[in-house]
Amino acid sequence: MKVVKNLMKVVKNLISRHLSASEQEALALGLKFATTPRKIPHDKITDATESTCKQLSNSEADQLRKEVSIALYRAKPPDQNLNKQHRQAIVELRKDDNIVILSADKGNATVVMDKSDYKGKMLDMLSDPAYRRPRLQKTHKRPNKEN
């Protein structure tokens, strides 16, 4: 897991509550950070294999099922790339319906805002005359060309 030296530069907290250290560290990983799965999705892999087998001959389908079965039997889940505190922090941030987490316009920062502030800023931007709904223009219909 990467270590971020200055969390204040990477995570901008604009909400009314204080973010815990584990929440800040989890957010500092970035919005594109992908957590490793806790277990191998056997059911999804089996379903995908069966849908593919429908397009194959019986002998090819049986061979594919056998190879996938062996691969799933030998497969082990990958090592976790988050510790328990960071994983719990992500769960808590997802549960909070009063905040919005987004990337900053400039820089590589993650911004945490109150949802009401975010909606207010969006409405302010949309009320600006530069952001107005375009007028519908009447277009002339062209006759269909037939060959």
C-alpha atoms as a PDB file:
ATOM      1  CA  MET A   1       0.000   0.000   0.000  1.00  0.00           C
ATOM      2  CA  LYS A   2       1.395   3.372  -0.956  1.00  0.00           C
ATOM      3  CA  VAL A   3       2.246   5.858   1.764  1.00  0.00           C
ATOM      4  CA  VAL A   4       1.124   9.460   1.393  1.00  0.00           C
ATOM      5  CA  LYS A   5       3.328  11.987   3.173  1.00  0.00           C
ATOM      6  CA  ASN A   6       0.988  14.992   3.352  1.00  0.00           C
ATOM      7  CA  LEU A   7      -2.671  13.998   3.551  1.00  0.00           C
ATOM      8  CA  MET A   8      -3.819  17.616   3.633  1.00  0.00           C
ATOM      9  CA  LYS A   9      -2.635  18.125   0.035  1.00  0.00           C
ATOM     10  CA  VAL A  10      -4.252  14.938  -1.231  1.00  0.00           C
ATOM     11  CA  VAL A  11      -7.543  14.974   0.715  1.00  0.00           C
ATOM     12  CA  LYS A  12      -9.549  18.208   0.930  1.00  0.00           C
ATOM     13  CA  ASN A  13     -12.047  17.961   3.776  1.00  0.00           C
ATOM     14  CA  LEU A  14     -14.880  20.447   3.185  1.00  0.00           C
ATOM     15  CA  ILE A  15     -17.443  18.716   5.397  1.00  0.00           C
ATOM     16  CA  SER A  16     -18.644  19.794   8.788  1.00  0.00           C
ATOM     17  CA  ARG A  17     -17.247  16.769  10.620  1.00  0.00           C
ATOM     18  CA  HIS A  18     -13.656  15.688  11.141  1.00  0.00           C
ATOM     19  CA  LEU A  19     -12.373  12.782   9.049  1.00  0.00           C
ATOM     20  CA  SER A  20     -10.572  10.108  11.032  1.00  0.00           C
ATOM     21  CA  ALA A  21      -6.964   9.293  10.204  1.00  0.00           C
ATOM     22  CA  SER A  22      -7.959   5.965   8.633  1.00  0.00           C
ATOM     23  CA  GLU A  23     -10.627   7.705   6.503  1.00  0.00           C
ATOM     24  CA  GLN A  24      -8.082  10.268   5.302  1.00  0.00           C
ATOM     25  CA  GLU A  25      -5.527   7.559   4.531  1.00  0.00           C
ATOM     26  CA  ALA A  26      -8.100   5.492   2.619  1.00  0.00           C
ATOM     27  CA  LEU A  27      -9.190   8.556   0.610  1.00  0.00           C
ATOM     28  CA  ALA A  28      -5.564   9.446  -0.082  1.00  0.00           C
ATOM     29  CA  LEU A  29      -5.240   6.211  -2.050  1.00  0.00           C
ATOM     30  CA  GLY A  30      -7.338   7.879  -4.726  1.00  0.00           C
ATOM     31  CA  LEU A  31     -10.700   7.282  -6.332  1.00  0.00           C
ATOM     32  CA  LYS A  32      -9.258   4.821  -8.850  1.00  0.00           C
ATOM     33  CA  PHE A  33      -7.752   2.565  -6.173  1.00  0.00           C
ATOM     34  CA  ALA A  34      -9.138  -0.956  -6.537  1.00  0.00           C
ATOM     35  CA  THR A  35      -9.409  -3.193  -3.514  1.00  0.00           C
ATOM     36  CA  THR A  36      -8.582  -6.847  -3.906  1.00  0.00           C
ATOM     37  CA  PRO A  37     -11.513  -9.247  -3.610  1.00  0.00           C
ATOM     38  CA  ARG A  38     -11.800 -11.166  -0.367  1.00  0.00           C
ATOM     39  CA  LYS A  39     -12.741 -14.377  -2.140  1.00  0.00           C
ATOM     40  CA  ILE A  40     -12.710 -15.761  -5.650  1.00  0.00           C
ATOM     41  CA  PRO A  41     -16.113 -15.332  -7.363  1.00  0.00           C
ATOM     42  CA  HIS A  42     -16.667 -19.030  -8.182  1.00  0.00           C
ATOM     43  CA  ASP A  43     -20.330 -18.537  -9.111  1.00  0.00           C
ATOM     44  CA  LYS A  44     -19.659 -15.732 -11.589  1.00  0.00           C
ATOM     45  CA  ILE A  45     -16.831 -17.663 -13.232  1.00  0.00           C
ATOM     46  CA  THR A  46     -18.966 -20.804 -13.464  1.00  0.00           C
ATOM     47  CA  ASP A  47     -21.894 -18.857 -14.947  1.00  0.00           C
ATOM     48  CA  ALA A  48     -19.637 -17.217 -17.530  1.00  0.00           C
ATOM     49  CA  THR A  49     -18.140 -20.592 -18.394  1.00  0.00           C
ATOM     50  CA  GLU A  50     -21.578 -22.165 -18.864  1.00  0.00           C
ATOM     51  CA  SER A  51     -22.749 -19.360 -21.132  1.00  0.00           C
ATOM     52  CA  THR A  52     -19.623 -19.884 -23.258  1.00  0.00           C
ATOM     53  CA  CYS A  53     -20.109 -23.658 -23.298  1.00  0.00           C
ATOM     54  CA  LYS A  54     -23.472 -23.199 -25.023  1.00  0.00           C
ATOM     55  CA  GLN A  55     -21.585 -21.978 -28.090  1.00  0.00           C
ATOM     56  CA  LEU A  56     -19.153 -24.923 -28.176  1.00  0.00           C
ATOM     57  CA  SER A  57     -19.429 -28.548 -29.175  1.00  0.00           C
ATOM     58  CA  ASN A  58     -20.029 -31.082 -26.387  1.00  0.00           C
ATOM     59  CA  SER A  59     -16.423 -32.286 -26.283  1.00  0.00           C
ATOM     60  CA  GLU A  60     -15.038 -28.717 -26.268  1.00  0.00           C
ATOM     61  CA  ALA A  61     -17.537 -27.671 -23.583  1.00  0.00           C
ATOM     62  CA  ASP A  62     -16.574 -30.636 -21.381  1.00  0.00           C
ATOM     63  CA  GLN A  63     -12.876 -29.827 -21.810  1.00  0.00           C
ATOM     64  CA  LEU A  64     -13.480 -26.161 -20.894  1.00  0.00           C
ATOM     65  CA  ARG A  65     -15.515 -27.111 -17.804  1.00  0.00           C
ATOM     66  CA  LYS A  66     -12.747 -29.480 -16.695  1.00  0.00           C
ATOM     67  CA  GLU A  67     -10.011 -26.841 -17.099  1.00  0.00           C
ATOM     68  CA  VAL A  68     -12.018 -24.154 -15.329  1.00  0.00           C
ATOM     69  CA  SER A  69     -12.851 -26.565 -12.505  1.00  0.00           C
ATOM     70  CA  ILE A  70      -9.165 -27.391 -12.009  1.00  0.00           C
ATOM     71  CA  ALA A  71      -8.207 -23.698 -12.123  1.00  0.00           C
ATOM     72  CA  LEU A  72     -10.870 -22.792  -9.543  1.00  0.00           C
ATOM     73  CA  TYR A  73      -9.797 -25.664  -7.275  1.00  0.00           C
ATOM     74  CA  ARG A  74      -6.173 -24.457  -7.320  1.00  0.00           C
ATOM     75  CA  ALA A  75      -6.967 -20.745  -7.083  1.00  0.00           C
ATOM     76  CA  LYS A  76      -6.243 -18.814  -3.922  1.00  0.00           C
ATOM     77  CA  PRO A  77      -7.561 -15.334  -3.128  1.00  0.00           C
ATOM     78  CA  PRO A  78      -5.004 -12.545  -3.599  1.00  0.00           C
ATOM     79  CA  ASP A  79      -3.360 -10.868  -0.635  1.00  0.00           C
ATOM     80  CA  GLN A  80      -5.378  -7.977   0.749  1.00  0.00           C
ATOM     81  CA  ASN A  81      -4.168  -4.510  -0.229  1.00  0.00           C
ATOM     82  CA  LEU A  82      -6.070  -2.737   2.582  1.00  0.00           C
ATOM     83  CA  ASN A  83      -5.843  -3.262   6.295  1.00  0.00           C
ATOM     84  CA  LYS A  84      -8.948  -3.717   8.419  1.00  0.00           C
ATOM     85  CA  GLN A  85      -9.111  -0.059   9.538  1.00  0.00           C
ATOM     86  CA  HIS A  86      -8.960   1.285   5.967  1.00  0.00           C
ATOM     87  CA  ARG A  87     -11.550  -1.206   4.750  1.00  0.00           C
ATOM     88  CA  GLN A  88     -13.866  -0.191   7.617  1.00  0.00           C
ATOM     89  CA  ALA A  89     -13.253   3.497   6.867  1.00  0.00           C
ATOM     90  CA  ILE A  90     -14.342   2.971   3.251  1.00  0.00           C
ATOM     91  CA  VAL A  91     -17.497   1.199   4.438  1.00  0.00           C
ATOM     92  CA  GLU A  92     -18.312   4.080   6.784  1.00  0.00           C
ATOM     93  CA  LEU A  93     -17.721   6.704   4.089  1.00  0.00           C
ATOM     94  CA  ARG A  94     -20.010   4.829   1.696  1.00  0.00           C
ATOM     95  CA  LYS A  95     -22.762   4.681   4.337  1.00  0.00           C
ATOM     96  CA  ASP A  96     -22.711   8.449   4.907  1.00  0.00           C
ATOM     97  CA  ASP A  97     -25.453   9.840   2.645  1.00  0.00           C
ATOM     98  CA  ASN A  98     -24.682  13.437   3.657  1.00  0.00           C
ATOM     99  CA  ILE A  99     -21.328  13.635   1.871  1.00  0.00           C
ATOM    100  CA  VAL A 100     -20.074  13.605  -1.719  1.00  0.00           C
ATOM    101  CA  ILE A 101     -16.608  12.326  -2.596  1.00  0.00           C
ATOM    102  CA  LEU A 102     -15.129  13.481  -5.888  1.00  0.00           C
ATOM    103  CA  SER A 103     -11.834  14.259  -7.540  1.00  0.00           C
ATOM    104  CA  ALA A 104     -10.599  17.828  -7.656  1.00  0.00           C
ATOM    105  CA  ASP A 105     -10.700  19.735 -10.935  1.00  0.00           C
ATOM    106  CA  LYS A 106      -6.957  20.287 -10.774  1.00  0.00           C
ATOM    107  CA  GLY A 107      -4.297  18.238  -9.129  1.00  0.00           C
ATOM    108  CA  ASN A 108      -4.533  14.718  -7.884  1.00  0.00           C
ATOM    109  CA  ALA A 109      -6.663  15.466  -4.831  1.00  0.00           C
ATOM    110  CA  THR A 110      -9.812  13.871  -3.444  1.00  0.00           C
ATOM    111  CA  VAL A 111     -12.473  16.296  -2.214  1.00  0.00           C
ATOM    112  CA  VAL A 112     -15.058  15.465   0.454  1.00  0.00           C
ATOM    113  CA  MET A 113     -18.037  17.866   0.534  1.00  0.00           C
ATOM    114  CA  ASP A 114     -21.370  18.094   2.288  1.00  0.00           C
ATOM    115  CA  LYS A 115     -24.046  17.012  -0.174  1.00  0.00           C
ATOM    116  CA  SER A 116     -26.097  20.170   0.458  1.00  0.00           C
ATOM    117  CA  ASP A 117     -23.074  22.386  -0.333  1.00  0.00           C
ATOM    118  CA  TYR A 118     -22.383  20.379  -3.481  1.00  0.00           C
ATOM    119  CA  LYS A 119     -25.970  20.713  -4.696  1.00  0.00           C
ATOM    120  CA  GLY A 120     -25.889  24.457  -3.950  1.00  0.00           C
ATOM    121  CA  LYS A 121     -22.703  24.930  -5.967  1.00  0.00           C
ATOM    122  CA  MET A 122     -24.168  22.950  -8.866  1.00  0.00           C
ATOM    123  CA  LEU A 123     -27.339  25.044  -8.840  1.00  0.00           C
ATOM    124  CA  ASP A 124     -25.237  28.245  -8.763  1.00  0.00           C
ATOM    125  CA  MET A 125     -23.282  27.039 -11.780  1.00  0.00           C
ATOM    126  CA  LEU A 126     -26.426  26.059 -13.659  1.00  0.00           C
ATOM    127  CA  SER A 127     -28.088  29.410 -12.947  1.00  0.00           C
ATOM    128  CA  ASP A 128     -25.179  31.167 -14.671  1.00  0.00           C
ATOM    129  CA  PRO A 129     -26.321  32.417 -18.123  1.00  0.00           C
ATOM    130  CA  ALA A 130     -23.339  30.671 -19.710  1.00  0.00           C
ATOM    131  CA  TYR A 131     -25.018  27.378 -18.825  1.00  0.00           C
ATOM    132  CA  ARG A 132     -28.401  27.697 -20.419  1.00  0.00           C
ATOM    133  CA  ARG A 133     -30.417  25.101 -22.219  1.00  0.00           C
ATOM    134  CA  PRO A 134     -29.861  25.347 -25.962  1.00  0.00           C
ATOM    135  CA  ARG A 135     -32.807  26.380 -28.080  1.00  0.00           C
ATOM    136  CA  LEU A 136     -34.313  23.750 -30.266  1.00  0.00           C
ATOM    137  CA  GLN A 137     -33.852  24.618 -33.882  1.00  0.00           C
ATOM    138  CA  LYS A 138     -36.331  23.555 -36.471  1.00  0.00           C
ATOM    139  CA  THR A 139     -34.656  21.452 -39.095  1.00  0.00           C
ATOM    140  CA  HIS A 140     -35.866  20.854 -42.578  1.00  0.00           C
ATOM    141  CA  LYS A 141     -36.636  17.285 -43.407  1.00  0.00           C
ATOM    142  CA  ARG A 142     -34.823  15.855 -46.356  1.00  0.00           C
ATOM    143  CA  PRO A 143     -36.652  13.469 -48.635  1.00  0.00           C
ATOM    144  CA  ASN A 144     -35.442   9.898 -48.337  1.00  0.00           C
ATOM    145  CA  LYS A 145     -33.281   8.788 -51.183  1.00  0.00           C
ATOM    146  CA  GLU A 146     -34.160   5.393 -52.507  1.00  0.00           C
ATOM    147  CA  ASN A 147     -31.727   3.414 -54.589  1.00  0.00           C
END
